[in-house]
PDB file of N, CA and C in Angstrom:
ATOM      1  N   UNK A   1     -12.970  18.193  -9.267  1.00  0.00           N
ATOM      2  CA  UNK A   1     -12.310  16.922  -9.540  1.00  0.00           C
ATOM      3  C   UNK A   1     -10.912  16.960  -8.930  1.00  0.00           C
ATOM      4  N   UNK A   2     -10.522  15.886  -8.242  1.00  0.00           N
ATOM      5  CA  UNK A   2      -9.180  15.772  -7.674  1.00  0.00           C
ATOM      6  C   UNK A   2      -8.220  15.274  -8.742  1.00  0.00           C
ATOM      7  N   UNK A   3      -7.044  15.914  -8.840  1.00  0.00           N
ATOM      8  CA  UNK A   3      -6.036  15.554  -9.835  1.00  0.00           C
ATOM      9  C   UNK A   3      -4.678  15.549  -9.148  1.00  0.00           C
ATOM     10  N   UNK A   4      -3.837  14.563  -9.476  1.00  0.00           N
ATOM     11  CA  UNK A   4      -2.478  14.508  -8.930  1.00  0.00           C
ATOM     12  C   UNK A   4      -1.562  13.821  -9.925  1.00  0.00           C
ATOM     13  N   UNK A   5      -0.365  14.374 -10.099  1.00  0.00           N
ATOM     14  CA  UNK A   5       0.678  13.754 -10.911  1.00  0.00           C
ATOM     15  C   UNK A   5       1.620  13.054  -9.940  1.00  0.00           C
ATOM     16  N   UNK A   6       1.439  11.738  -9.758  1.00  0.00           N
ATOM     17  CA  UNK A   6       2.208  11.051  -8.721  1.00  0.00           C
ATOM     18  C   UNK A   6       3.696  10.969  -9.024  1.00  0.00           C
ATOM     19  N   UNK A   7       4.125  11.254 -10.252  1.00  0.00           N
ATOM     20  CA  UNK A   7       5.558  11.276 -10.539  1.00  0.00           C
ATOM     21  C   UNK A   7       6.233  12.467  -9.860  1.00  0.00           C
ATOM     22  N   UNK A   8       5.456  13.442  -9.437  1.00  0.00           N
ATOM     23  CA  UNK A   8       5.994  14.632  -8.773  1.00  0.00           C
ATOM     24  C   UNK A   8       5.908  14.559  -7.251  1.00  0.00           C
ATOM     25  N   UNK A   9       5.339  13.482  -6.734  1.00  0.00           N
ATOM     26  CA  UNK A   9       5.122  13.357  -5.293  1.00  0.00           C
ATOM     27  C   UNK A   9       6.220  12.500  -4.681  1.00  0.00           C
ATOM     28  N   UNK A  10       6.833  13.020  -3.608  1.00  0.00           N
ATOM     29  CA  UNK A  10       7.901  12.291  -2.924  1.00  0.00           C
ATOM     30  C   UNK A  10       7.308  11.122  -2.143  1.00  0.00           C
ATOM     31  N   UNK A  11       7.963   9.985  -2.210  1.00  0.00           N
ATOM     32  CA  UNK A  11       7.503   8.798  -1.508  1.00  0.00           C
ATOM     33  C   UNK A  11       8.333   8.522  -0.276  1.00  0.00           C
ATOM     34  N   UNK A  12       7.908   7.525   0.498  1.00  0.00           N
ATOM     35  CA  UNK A  12       8.653   7.067   1.673  1.00  0.00           C
ATOM     36  C   UNK A  12       8.966   5.596   1.472  1.00  0.00           C
ATOM     37  N   UNK A  13      10.205   5.214   1.786  1.00  0.00           N
ATOM     38  CA  UNK A  13      10.666   3.842   1.563  1.00  0.00           C
ATOM     39  C   UNK A  13      10.313   2.951   2.745  1.00  0.00           C
ATOM     40  N   UNK A  14       9.819   1.768   2.444  1.00  0.00           N
ATOM     41  CA  UNK A  14       9.588   0.723   3.441  1.00  0.00           C
ATOM     42  C   UNK A  14      10.748  -0.252   3.292  1.00  0.00           C
ATOM     43  N   UNK A  15      11.430  -0.595   4.399  1.00  0.00           N
ATOM     44  CA  UNK A  15      12.603  -1.472   4.301  1.00  0.00           C
ATOM     45  C   UNK A  15      12.240  -2.928   4.008  1.00  0.00           C
ATOM     46  N   UNK A  16      13.256  -3.713   3.630  1.00  0.00           N
ATOM     47  CA  UNK A  16      13.096  -5.149   3.404  1.00  0.00           C
ATOM     48  C   UNK A  16      12.637  -5.799   4.692  1.00  0.00           C
ATOM     49  N   UNK A  17      11.903  -6.875   4.676  1.00  0.00           N
ATOM     50  CA  UNK A  17      11.516  -7.688   3.525  1.00  0.00           C
ATOM     51  C   UNK A  17      10.230  -7.199   2.853  1.00  0.00           C
ATOM     52  N   UNK A  18       9.682  -6.076   3.319  1.00  0.00           N
ATOM     53  CA  UNK A  18       8.439  -5.547   2.750  1.00  0.00           C
ATOM     54  C   UNK A  18       8.733  -4.395   1.798  1.00  0.00           C
ATOM     55  N   UNK A  19       9.937  -4.354   1.264  1.00  0.00           N
ATOM     56  CA  UNK A  19      10.456  -3.229   0.492  1.00  0.00           C
ATOM     57  C   UNK A  19       9.492  -2.717  -0.573  1.00  0.00           C
ATOM     58  N   UNK A  20       9.226  -1.427  -0.465  1.00  0.00           N
ATOM     59  CA  UNK A  20       8.413  -0.738  -1.460  1.00  0.00           C
ATOM     60  C   UNK A  20       8.465   0.755  -1.165  1.00  0.00           C
ATOM     61  N   UNK A  21       8.012   1.553  -2.095  1.00  0.00           N
ATOM     62  CA  UNK A  21       7.912   2.989  -1.883  1.00  0.00           C
ATOM     63  C   UNK A  21       6.435   3.337  -1.773  1.00  0.00           C
ATOM     64  N   UNK A  22       6.089   4.089  -0.737  1.00  0.00           N
ATOM     65  CA  UNK A  22       4.706   4.489  -0.530  1.00  0.00           C
ATOM     66  C   UNK A  22       4.563   5.978  -0.811  1.00  0.00           C
ATOM     67  N   UNK A  23       3.573   6.323  -1.597  1.00  0.00           N
ATOM     68  CA  UNK A  23       3.275   7.719  -1.896  1.00  0.00           C
ATOM     69  C   UNK A  23       1.824   7.994  -1.551  1.00  0.00           C
ATOM     70  N   UNK A  24       1.594   9.098  -0.896  1.00  0.00           N
ATOM     71  CA  UNK A  24       0.233   9.529  -0.619  1.00  0.00           C
ATOM     72  C   UNK A  24      -0.166  10.437  -1.764  1.00  0.00           C
ATOM     73  N   UNK A  25      -1.069   9.966  -2.594  1.00  0.00           N
ATOM     74  CA  UNK A  25      -1.450  10.696  -3.802  1.00  0.00           C
ATOM     75  C   UNK A  25      -2.634  11.620  -3.536  1.00  0.00           C
ATOM     76  N   UNK A  26      -3.684  11.107  -2.931  1.00  0.00           N
ATOM     77  CA  UNK A  26      -4.873  11.914  -2.642  1.00  0.00           C
ATOM     78  C   UNK A  26      -5.440  11.526  -1.290  1.00  0.00           C
ATOM     79  N   UNK A  27      -5.592  12.512  -0.431  1.00  0.00           N
ATOM     80  CA  UNK A  27      -6.242  12.326   0.865  1.00  0.00           C
ATOM     81  C   UNK A  27      -7.062  13.580   1.150  1.00  0.00           C
ATOM     82  N   UNK A  28      -7.860  13.540   2.194  1.00  0.00           N
ATOM     83  CA  UNK A  28      -8.575  14.771   2.558  1.00  0.00           C
ATOM     84  C   UNK A  28      -7.623  15.922   2.871  1.00  0.00           C
ATOM     85  N   UNK A  29      -6.399  15.595   3.294  1.00  0.00           N
ATOM     86  CA  UNK A  29      -5.420  16.629   3.617  1.00  0.00           C
ATOM     87  C   UNK A  29      -4.806  17.267   2.368  1.00  0.00           C
ATOM     88  N   UNK A  30      -4.773  16.547   1.244  1.00  0.00           N
ATOM     89  CA  UNK A  30      -4.170  17.084   0.020  1.00  0.00           C
ATOM     90  C   UNK A  30      -5.195  17.585  -0.990  1.00  0.00           C
ATOM     91  N   UNK A  31      -6.415  17.085  -0.913  1.00  0.00           N
ATOM     92  CA  UNK A  31      -7.476  17.464  -1.853  1.00  0.00           C
ATOM     93  C   UNK A  31      -8.786  17.630  -1.078  1.00  0.00           C
ATOM     94  N   UNK A  32      -9.313  18.823  -1.063  1.00  0.00           N
ATOM     95  CA  UNK A  32     -10.496  19.105  -0.238  1.00  0.00           C
ATOM     96  C   UNK A  32     -11.742  18.326  -0.654  1.00  0.00           C
ATOM     97  N   UNK A  33     -11.796  17.836  -1.890  1.00  0.00           N
ATOM     98  CA  UNK A  33     -12.984  17.103  -2.303  1.00  0.00           C
ATOM     99  C   UNK A  33     -12.892  15.594  -2.073  1.00  0.00           C
ATOM    100  N   UNK A  34     -11.848  15.142  -1.358  1.00  0.00           N
ATOM    101  CA  UNK A  34     -11.703  13.734  -0.986  1.00  0.00           C
ATOM    102  C   UNK A  34     -12.202  13.586   0.451  1.00  0.00           C
ATOM    103  N   UNK A  35     -13.145  12.674   0.663  1.00  0.00           N
ATOM    104  CA  UNK A  35     -13.760  12.513   1.982  1.00  0.00           C
ATOM    105  C   UNK A  35     -12.918  11.623   2.895  1.00  0.00           C
ATOM    106  N   UNK A  36     -13.018  11.863   4.217  1.00  0.00           N
ATOM    107  CA  UNK A  36     -12.303  11.057   5.210  1.00  0.00           C
ATOM    108  C   UNK A  36     -13.028   9.739   5.455  1.00  0.00           C
ATOM    109  N   UNK A  37     -12.301   8.788   6.091  1.00  0.00           N
ATOM    110  CA  UNK A  37     -12.903   7.503   6.407  1.00  0.00           C
ATOM    111  C   UNK A  37     -12.204   6.873   7.587  1.00  0.00           C
ATOM    112  N   UNK A  38     -12.690   5.757   8.025  1.00  0.00           N
ATOM    113  CA  UNK A  38     -12.064   4.946   9.059  1.00  0.00           C
ATOM    114  C   UNK A  38     -11.475   3.705   8.395  1.00  0.00           C
ATOM    115  N   UNK A  39     -10.302   3.254   8.868  1.00  0.00           N
ATOM    116  CA  UNK A  39      -9.683   2.051   8.294  1.00  0.00           C
ATOM    117  C   UNK A  39     -10.586   0.830   8.394  1.00  0.00           C
ATOM    118  N   UNK A  40     -11.465   0.825   9.362  1.00  0.00           N
ATOM    119  CA  UNK A  40     -12.341  -0.326   9.535  1.00  0.00           C
ATOM    120  C   UNK A  40     -13.420  -0.404   8.466  1.00  0.00           C
ATOM    121  N   UNK A  41     -13.658   0.703   7.751  1.00  0.00           N
ATOM    122  CA  UNK A  41     -14.710   0.700   6.738  1.00  0.00           C
ATOM    123  C   UNK A  41     -14.160   0.941   5.339  1.00  0.00           C
ATOM    124  N   UNK A  42     -12.841   0.832   5.186  1.00  0.00           N
ATOM    125  CA  UNK A  42     -12.236   1.116   3.885  1.00  0.00           C
ATOM    126  C   UNK A  42     -11.642  -0.147   3.280  1.00  0.00           C
ATOM    127  N   UNK A  43     -11.933  -0.374   2.007  1.00  0.00           N
ATOM    128  CA  UNK A  43     -11.314  -1.471   1.273  1.00  0.00           C
ATOM    129  C   UNK A  43     -10.064  -0.970   0.567  1.00  0.00           C
ATOM    130  N   UNK A  44      -9.187  -1.899   0.189  1.00  0.00           N
ATOM    131  CA  UNK A  44      -7.938  -1.542  -0.502  1.00  0.00           C
ATOM    132  C   UNK A  44      -7.802  -2.375  -1.773  1.00  0.00           C
ATOM    133  N   UNK A  45      -7.771  -1.684  -2.911  1.00  0.00           N
ATOM    134  CA  UNK A  45      -7.485  -2.317  -4.192  1.00  0.00           C
ATOM    135  C   UNK A  45      -5.999  -2.138  -4.463  1.00  0.00           C
ATOM    136  N   UNK A  46      -5.276  -3.241  -4.693  1.00  0.00           N
ATOM    137  CA  UNK A  46      -3.845  -3.202  -4.981  1.00  0.00           C
ATOM    138  C   UNK A  46      -3.615  -3.706  -6.401  1.00  0.00           C
ATOM    139  N   UNK A  47      -2.973  -2.878  -7.227  1.00  0.00           N
ATOM    140  CA  UNK A  47      -2.638  -3.241  -8.604  1.00  0.00           C
ATOM    141  C   UNK A  47      -1.121  -3.268  -8.690  1.00  0.00           C
ATOM    142  N   UNK A  48      -0.545  -4.390  -9.082  1.00  0.00           N
ATOM    143  CA  UNK A  48       0.904  -4.580  -9.112  1.00  0.00           C
ATOM    144  C   UNK A  48       1.420  -4.313 -10.525  1.00  0.00           C
ATOM    145  N   UNK A  49       2.389  -3.400 -10.629  1.00  0.00           N
ATOM    146  CA  UNK A  49       2.851  -2.973 -11.954  1.00  0.00           C
ATOM    147  C   UNK A  49       4.294  -3.357 -12.261  1.00  0.00           C
ATOM    148  N   UNK A  50       5.128  -3.591 -11.246  1.00  0.00           N
ATOM    149  CA  UNK A  50       6.497  -4.084 -11.472  1.00  0.00           C
ATOM    150  C   UNK A  50       6.898  -4.992 -10.325  1.00  0.00           C
ATOM    151  N   UNK A  51       7.910  -5.807 -10.567  1.00  0.00           N
ATOM    152  CA  UNK A  51       8.463  -6.666  -9.528  1.00  0.00           C
ATOM    153  C   UNK A  51       7.691  -7.960  -9.355  1.00  0.00           C
ATOM    154  N   UNK A  52       8.113  -8.692  -8.302  1.00  0.00           N
ATOM    155  CA  UNK A  52       7.408  -9.929  -7.959  1.00  0.00           C
ATOM    156  C   UNK A  52       7.408 -10.070  -6.448  1.00  0.00           C
ATOM    157  N   UNK A  53       6.444 -10.808  -5.957  1.00  0.00           N
ATOM    158  CA  UNK A  53       6.334 -10.972  -4.522  1.00  0.00           C
ATOM    159  C   UNK A  53       5.221 -11.923  -4.152  1.00  0.00           C
ATOM    160  N   UNK A  54       4.836 -11.823  -2.885  1.00  0.00           N
ATOM    161  CA  UNK A  54       3.752 -12.640  -2.348  1.00  0.00           C
ATOM    162  C   UNK A  54       2.812 -11.730  -1.573  1.00  0.00           C
ATOM    163  N   UNK A  55       1.560 -12.127  -1.546  1.00  0.00           N
ATOM    164  CA  UNK A  55       0.565 -11.446  -0.730  1.00  0.00           C
ATOM    165  C   UNK A  55      -0.199 -12.492   0.055  1.00  0.00           C
ATOM    166  N   UNK A  56      -0.648 -12.092   1.227  1.00  0.00           N
ATOM    167  CA  UNK A  56      -1.496 -12.942   2.043  1.00  0.00           C
ATOM    168  C   UNK A  56      -2.761 -12.162   2.344  1.00  0.00           C
ATOM    169  N   UNK A  57      -3.886 -12.778   2.043  1.00  0.00           N
ATOM    170  CA  UNK A  57      -5.185 -12.176   2.297  1.00  0.00           C
ATOM    171  C   UNK A  57      -6.007 -13.183   3.082  1.00  0.00           C
ATOM    172  N   UNK A  58      -6.256 -12.849   4.348  1.00  0.00           N
ATOM    173  CA  UNK A  58      -6.998 -13.753   5.237  1.00  0.00           C
ATOM    174  C   UNK A  58      -6.362 -15.142   5.271  1.00  0.00           C
ATOM    175  N   UNK A  59      -5.002 -15.186   5.279  1.00  0.00           N
ATOM    176  CA  UNK A  59      -4.283 -16.444   5.395  1.00  0.00           C
ATOM    177  C   UNK A  59      -4.039 -17.187   4.093  1.00  0.00           C
ATOM    178  N   UNK A  60      -4.588 -16.716   2.986  1.00  0.00           N
ATOM    179  CA  UNK A  60      -4.381 -17.360   1.684  1.00  0.00           C
ATOM    180  C   UNK A  60      -3.246 -16.634   0.963  1.00  0.00           C
ATOM    181  N   UNK A  61      -2.273 -17.402   0.450  1.00  0.00           N
ATOM    182  CA  UNK A  61      -1.103 -16.824  -0.223  1.00  0.00           C
ATOM    183  C   UNK A  61      -1.355 -16.694  -1.722  1.00  0.00           C
ATOM    184  N   UNK A  62      -0.899 -15.548  -2.287  1.00  0.00           N
ATOM    185  CA  UNK A  62      -1.038 -15.274  -3.711  1.00  0.00           C
ATOM    186  C   UNK A  62       0.302 -14.837  -4.288  1.00  0.00           C
ATOM    187  N   UNK A  63       0.562 -15.191  -5.544  1.00  0.00           N
ATOM    188  CA  UNK A  63       1.758 -14.746  -6.257  1.00  0.00           C
ATOM    189  C   UNK A  63       1.504 -13.342  -6.807  1.00  0.00           C
ATOM    190  N   UNK A  64       2.504 -12.482  -6.643  1.00  0.00           N
ATOM    191  CA  UNK A  64       2.399 -11.119  -7.167  1.00  0.00           C
ATOM    192  C   UNK A  64       3.342 -10.939  -8.340  1.00  0.00           C
ATOM    193  N   UNK A  65       2.846 -10.291  -9.389  1.00  0.00           N
ATOM    194  CA  UNK A  65       3.632  -9.979 -10.575  1.00  0.00           C
ATOM    195  C   UNK A  65       2.890  -8.880 -11.319  1.00  0.00           C
ATOM    196  N   UNK A  66       3.527  -8.243 -12.288  1.00  0.00           N
ATOM    197  CA  UNK A  66       2.832  -7.202 -13.046  1.00  0.00           C
ATOM    198  C   UNK A  66       1.536  -7.731 -13.659  1.00  0.00           C
ATOM    199  N   UNK A  67       0.489  -6.931 -13.531  1.00  0.00           N
ATOM    200  CA  UNK A  67      -0.800  -7.311 -14.089  1.00  0.00           C
ATOM    201  C   UNK A  67      -1.749  -7.962 -13.106  1.00  0.00           C
ATOM    202  N   UNK A  68      -1.299  -8.214 -11.879  1.00  0.00           N
ATOM    203  CA  UNK A  68      -2.152  -8.825 -10.863  1.00  0.00           C
ATOM    204  C   UNK A  68      -2.809  -7.722 -10.033  1.00  0.00           C
ATOM    205  N   UNK A  69      -4.059  -7.928  -9.661  1.00  0.00           N
ATOM    206  CA  UNK A  69      -4.775  -7.025  -8.767  1.00  0.00           C
ATOM    207  C   UNK A  69      -5.409  -7.835  -7.646  1.00  0.00           C
ATOM    208  N   UNK A  70      -5.402  -7.278  -6.456  1.00  0.00           N
ATOM    209  CA  UNK A  70      -6.003  -7.919  -5.284  1.00  0.00           C
ATOM    210  C   UNK A  70      -6.860  -6.871  -4.582  1.00  0.00           C
ATOM    211  N   UNK A  71      -8.016  -7.296  -4.085  1.00  0.00           N
ATOM    212  CA  UNK A  71      -8.860  -6.401  -3.298  1.00  0.00           C
ATOM    213  C   UNK A  71      -9.009  -6.973  -1.900  1.00  0.00           C
ATOM    214  N   UNK A  72      -8.664  -6.154  -0.893  1.00  0.00           N
ATOM    215  CA  UNK A  72      -8.875  -6.526   0.504  1.00  0.00           C
ATOM    216  C   UNK A  72     -10.076  -5.730   1.008  1.00  0.00           C
ATOM    217  N   UNK A  73     -11.148  -6.413   1.287  1.00  0.00           N
ATOM    218  CA  UNK A  73     -12.357  -5.751   1.780  1.00  0.00           C
ATOM    219  C   UNK A  73     -12.090  -5.123   3.148  1.00  0.00           C
ATOM    220  N   UNK A  74     -12.905  -4.176   3.554  1.00  0.00           N
ATOM    221  CA  UNK A  74     -12.708  -3.522   4.849  1.00  0.00           C
ATOM    222  C   UNK A  74     -12.556  -4.525   5.989  1.00  0.00           C
ATOM    223  N   UNK A  75     -11.530  -4.302   6.818  1.00  0.00           N
ATOM    224  CA  UNK A  75     -11.294  -5.145   7.986  1.00  0.00           C
ATOM    225  C   UNK A  75     -10.622  -6.471   7.715  1.00  0.00           C
ATOM    226  N   UNK A  76     -10.308  -6.809   6.462  1.00  0.00           N
ATOM    227  CA  UNK A  76      -9.656  -8.084   6.140  1.00  0.00           C
ATOM    228  C   UNK A  76      -8.146  -7.973   6.362  1.00  0.00           C
ATOM    229  N   UNK A  77      -7.560  -8.971   6.998  1.00  0.00           N
ATOM    230  CA  UNK A  77      -6.130  -8.991   7.284  1.00  0.00           C
ATOM    231  C   UNK A  77      -5.372  -9.311   6.006  1.00  0.00           C
ATOM    232  N   UNK A  78      -4.383  -8.475   5.674  1.00  0.00           N
ATOM    233  CA  UNK A  78      -3.590  -8.707   4.464  1.00  0.00           C
ATOM    234  C   UNK A  78      -2.209  -8.085   4.598  1.00  0.00           C
ATOM    235  N   UNK A  79      -1.246  -8.626   3.828  1.00  0.00           N
ATOM    236  CA  UNK A  79       0.095  -8.045   3.767  1.00  0.00           C
ATOM    237  C   UNK A  79       0.721  -8.449   2.442  1.00  0.00           C
ATOM    238  N   UNK A  80       1.765  -7.703   2.042  1.00  0.00           N
ATOM    239  CA  UNK A  80       2.519  -8.014   0.827  1.00  0.00           C
ATOM    240  C   UNK A  80       3.995  -8.076   1.162  1.00  0.00           C
ATOM    241  N   UNK A  81       4.749  -8.844   0.358  1.00  0.00           N
ATOM    242  CA  UNK A  81       6.195  -8.957   0.555  1.00  0.00           C
ATOM    243  C   UNK A  81       6.877  -9.010  -0.806  1.00  0.00           C
ATOM    244  N   UNK A  82       7.925  -8.221  -0.961  1.00  0.00           N
ATOM    245  CA  UNK A  82       8.740  -8.234  -2.173  1.00  0.00           C
ATOM    246  C   UNK A  82       9.675  -9.434  -2.098  1.00  0.00           C
ATOM    247  N   UNK A  83       9.635 -10.331  -3.088  1.00  0.00           N
ATOM    248  CA  UNK A  83      10.521 -11.494  -3.114  1.00  0.00           C
ATOM    249  C   UNK A  83      11.530 -11.410  -4.257  1.00  0.00           C
ATOM    250  N   UNK A  84      11.525 -10.313  -4.981  1.00  0.00           N
ATOM    251  CA  UNK A  84      12.407 -10.161  -6.132  1.00  0.00           C
ATOM    252  C   UNK A  84      13.561  -9.209  -5.875  1.00  0.00           C
ATOM    253  N   UNK A  85      14.321  -8.941  -6.938  1.00  0.00           N
ATOM    254  CA  UNK A  85      15.488  -8.063  -6.869  1.00  0.00           C
ATOM    255  C   UNK A  85      15.176  -6.631  -7.276  1.00  0.00           C
ATOM    256  N   UNK A  86      13.984  -6.381  -7.785  1.00  0.00           N
ATOM    257  CA  UNK A  86      13.601  -5.033  -8.188  1.00  0.00           C
ATOM    258  C   UNK A  86      12.431  -4.565  -7.322  1.00  0.00           C
ATOM    259  N   UNK A  87      12.156  -3.275  -7.327  1.00  0.00           N
ATOM    260  CA  UNK A  87      11.040  -2.788  -6.509  1.00  0.00           C
ATOM    261  C   UNK A  87       9.714  -3.428  -6.908  1.00  0.00           C
ATOM    262  N   UNK A  88       8.906  -3.704  -5.914  1.00  0.00           N
ATOM    263  CA  UNK A  88       7.541  -4.175  -6.123  1.00  0.00           C
ATOM    264  C   UNK A  88       6.674  -2.924  -6.129  1.00  0.00           C
ATOM    265  N   UNK A  89       6.189  -2.555  -7.296  1.00  0.00           N
ATOM    266  CA  UNK A  89       5.397  -1.340  -7.426  1.00  0.00           C
ATOM    267  C   UNK A  89       3.921  -1.684  -7.332  1.00  0.00           C
ATOM    268  N   UNK A  90       3.246  -1.015  -6.392  1.00  0.00           N
ATOM    269  CA  UNK A  90       1.841  -1.281  -6.136  1.00  0.00           C
ATOM    270  C   UNK A  90       1.078   0.033  -6.200  1.00  0.00           C
ATOM    271  N   UNK A  91       0.032   0.042  -6.974  1.00  0.00           N
ATOM    272  CA  UNK A  91      -0.893   1.173  -6.951  1.00  0.00           C
ATOM    273  C   UNK A  91      -2.023   0.761  -6.018  1.00  0.00           C
ATOM    274  N   UNK A  92      -2.174   1.482  -4.904  1.00  0.00           N
ATOM    275  CA  UNK A  92      -3.205   1.156  -3.918  1.00  0.00           C
ATOM    276  C   UNK A  92      -4.290   2.216  -3.947  1.00  0.00           C
ATOM    277  N   UNK A  93      -5.518   1.748  -4.018  1.00  0.00           N
ATOM    278  CA  UNK A  93      -6.671   2.644  -3.997  1.00  0.00           C
ATOM    279  C   UNK A  93      -7.515   2.254  -2.790  1.00  0.00           C
ATOM    280  N   UNK A  94      -7.692   3.211  -1.871  1.00  0.00           N
ATOM    281  CA  UNK A  94      -8.491   2.986  -0.672  1.00  0.00           C
ATOM    282  C   UNK A  94      -9.841   3.661  -0.861  1.00  0.00           C
ATOM    283  N   UNK A  95     -10.902   2.884  -0.692  1.00  0.00           N
ATOM    284  CA  UNK A  95     -12.239   3.421  -0.892  1.00  0.00           C
ATOM    285  C   UNK A  95     -13.060   3.154   0.367  1.00  0.00           C
ATOM    286  N   UNK A  96     -13.483   4.205   1.039  1.00  0.00           N
ATOM    287  CA  UNK A  96     -13.094   5.595   0.862  1.00  0.00           C
ATOM    288  C   UNK A  96     -11.641   5.827   1.268  1.00  0.00           C
ATOM    289  N   UNK A  97     -11.076   7.025   1.013  1.00  0.00           N
ATOM    290  CA  UNK A  97      -9.659   7.326   1.289  1.00  0.00           C
ATOM    291  C   UNK A  97      -9.288   7.121   2.758  1.00  0.00           C
ATOM    292  N   UNK A  98      -7.988   6.920   3.023  1.00  0.00           N
ATOM    293  CA  UNK A  98      -7.528   6.664   4.382  1.00  0.00           C
ATOM    294  C   UNK A  98      -6.752   7.838   4.964  1.00  0.00           C
ATOM    295  N   UNK A  99      -6.524   7.750   6.270  1.00  0.00           N
ATOM    296  CA  UNK A  99      -5.714   8.730   6.986  1.00  0.00           C
ATOM    297  C   UNK A  99      -4.244   8.478   6.642  1.00  0.00           C
ATOM    298  N   UNK A 100      -3.459   9.511   6.299  1.00  0.00           N
ATOM    299  CA  UNK A 100      -2.046   9.321   5.933  1.00  0.00           C
ATOM    300  C   UNK A 100      -1.188   8.692   7.033  1.00  0.00           C
ATOM    301  N   UNK A 101      -1.654   8.694   8.284  1.00  0.00           N
ATOM    302  CA  UNK A 101      -0.894   8.049   9.362  1.00  0.00           C
ATOM    303  C   UNK A 101      -0.713   6.560   9.099  1.00  0.00           C
ATOM    304  N   UNK A 102      -1.557   5.983   8.257  1.00  0.00           N
ATOM    305  CA  UNK A 102      -1.460   4.575   7.886  1.00  0.00           C
ATOM    306  C   UNK A 102      -0.105   4.285   7.237  1.00  0.00           C
ATOM    307  N   UNK A 103       0.404   5.218   6.447  1.00  0.00           N
ATOM    308  CA  UNK A 103       1.708   5.053   5.788  1.00  0.00           C
ATOM    309  C   UNK A 103       2.806   4.934   6.835  1.00  0.00           C
ATOM    310  N   UNK A 104       2.849   5.857   7.795  1.00  0.00           N
ATOM    311  CA  UNK A 104       3.866   5.821   8.850  1.00  0.00           C
ATOM    312  C   UNK A 104       3.784   4.532   9.651  1.00  0.00           C
ATOM    313  N   UNK A 105       2.576   4.074   9.940  1.00  0.00           N
ATOM    314  CA  UNK A 105       2.408   2.836  10.697  1.00  0.00           C
ATOM    315  C   UNK A 105       2.982   1.647   9.928  1.00  0.00           C
ATOM    316  N   UNK A 106       2.784   1.598   8.601  1.00  0.00           N
ATOM    317  CA  UNK A 106       3.345   0.514   7.784  1.00  0.00           C
ATOM    318  C   UNK A 106       4.863   0.550   7.770  1.00  0.00           C
ATOM    319  N   UNK A 107       5.431   1.721   7.631  1.00  0.00           N
ATOM    320  CA  UNK A 107       6.889   1.850   7.612  1.00  0.00           C
ATOM    321  C   UNK A 107       7.474   1.433   8.953  1.00  0.00           C
ATOM    322  N   UNK A 108       6.887   1.883  10.037  1.00  0.00           N
ATOM    323  CA  UNK A 108       7.379   1.525  11.368  1.00  0.00           C
ATOM    324  C   UNK A 108       7.256   0.028  11.631  1.00  0.00           C
ATOM    325  N   UNK A 109       6.177  -0.597  11.182  1.00  0.00           N
ATOM    326  CA  UNK A 109       6.011  -2.037  11.359  1.00  0.00           C
ATOM    327  C   UNK A 109       7.083  -2.810  10.595  1.00  0.00           C
ATOM    328  N   UNK A 110       7.383  -2.383   9.371  1.00  0.00           N
ATOM    329  CA  UNK A 110       8.416  -3.052   8.577  1.00  0.00           C
ATOM    330  C   UNK A 110       9.789  -2.880   9.216  1.00  0.00           C
ATOM    331  N   UNK A 111      10.075  -1.706   9.738  1.00  0.00           N
ATOM    332  CA  UNK A 111      11.360  -1.460  10.409  1.00  0.00           C
ATOM    333  C   UNK A 111      11.516  -2.347  11.633  1.00  0.00           C
ATOM    334  N   UNK A 112      10.445  -2.529  12.402  1.00  0.00           N
ATOM    335  CA  UNK A 112      10.548  -3.358  13.610  1.00  0.00           C
ATOM    336  C   UNK A 112      10.823  -4.817  13.246  1.00  0.00           C
ATOM    337  N   UNK A 113      10.267  -5.313  12.141  1.00  0.00           N
ATOM    338  CA  UNK A 113      10.542  -6.678  11.682  1.00  0.00           C
ATOM    339  C   UNK A 113      12.006  -6.799  11.308  1.00  0.00           C
ATOM    340  N   UNK A 114      12.527  -5.820  10.561  1.00  0.00           N
ATOM    341  CA  UNK A 114      13.930  -5.848  10.124  1.00  0.00           C
ATOM    342  C   UNK A 114      14.881  -5.755  11.307  1.00  0.00           C
ATOM    343  N   UNK A 115      14.547  -4.962  12.327  1.00  0.00           N
ATOM    344  CA  UNK A 115      15.407  -4.804  13.503  1.00  0.00           C
ATOM    345  C   UNK A 115      15.481  -6.067  14.343  1.00  0.00           C
ATOM    346  N   UNK A 116      14.459  -6.906  14.298  1.00  0.00           N
ATOM    347  CA  UNK A 116      14.439  -8.146  15.077  1.00  0.00           C
ATOM    348  C   UNK A 116      15.332  -9.222  14.500  1.00  0.00           C
ATOM    349  N   UNK A 117      15.793  -9.007  13.261  1.00  0.00           N
ATOM    350  CA  UNK A 117      16.641 -10.020  12.603  1.00  0.00           C
ATOM    351  C   UNK A 117      18.038  -9.997  13.147  1.00  0.00           C
TER     352      UNK A 117
END
């Protein structure tokens, strides 16, 4: 069984306007019993626990607040944005698990948006 205490795992900050902290909790690289996958075949369940924001899933806009969950099926275009003054905390579950390079790609994409301002 894979086990992780995410309060002990260091995260990486994504800059505004997509501000959030991303933590890699379980991947094939951190837990040998977690299987690898391709982003094209992985869905993402997002559970929002603090903050407020907006999400877009296939062009449809949704309000984000604590207690909301969104599922993006494999290959569906989606993004989230923090619209509040506090961190937007999201628990993301990728089924099957994703490659950790996805985190770096998200951070770099957010930085490029901020640099264009």
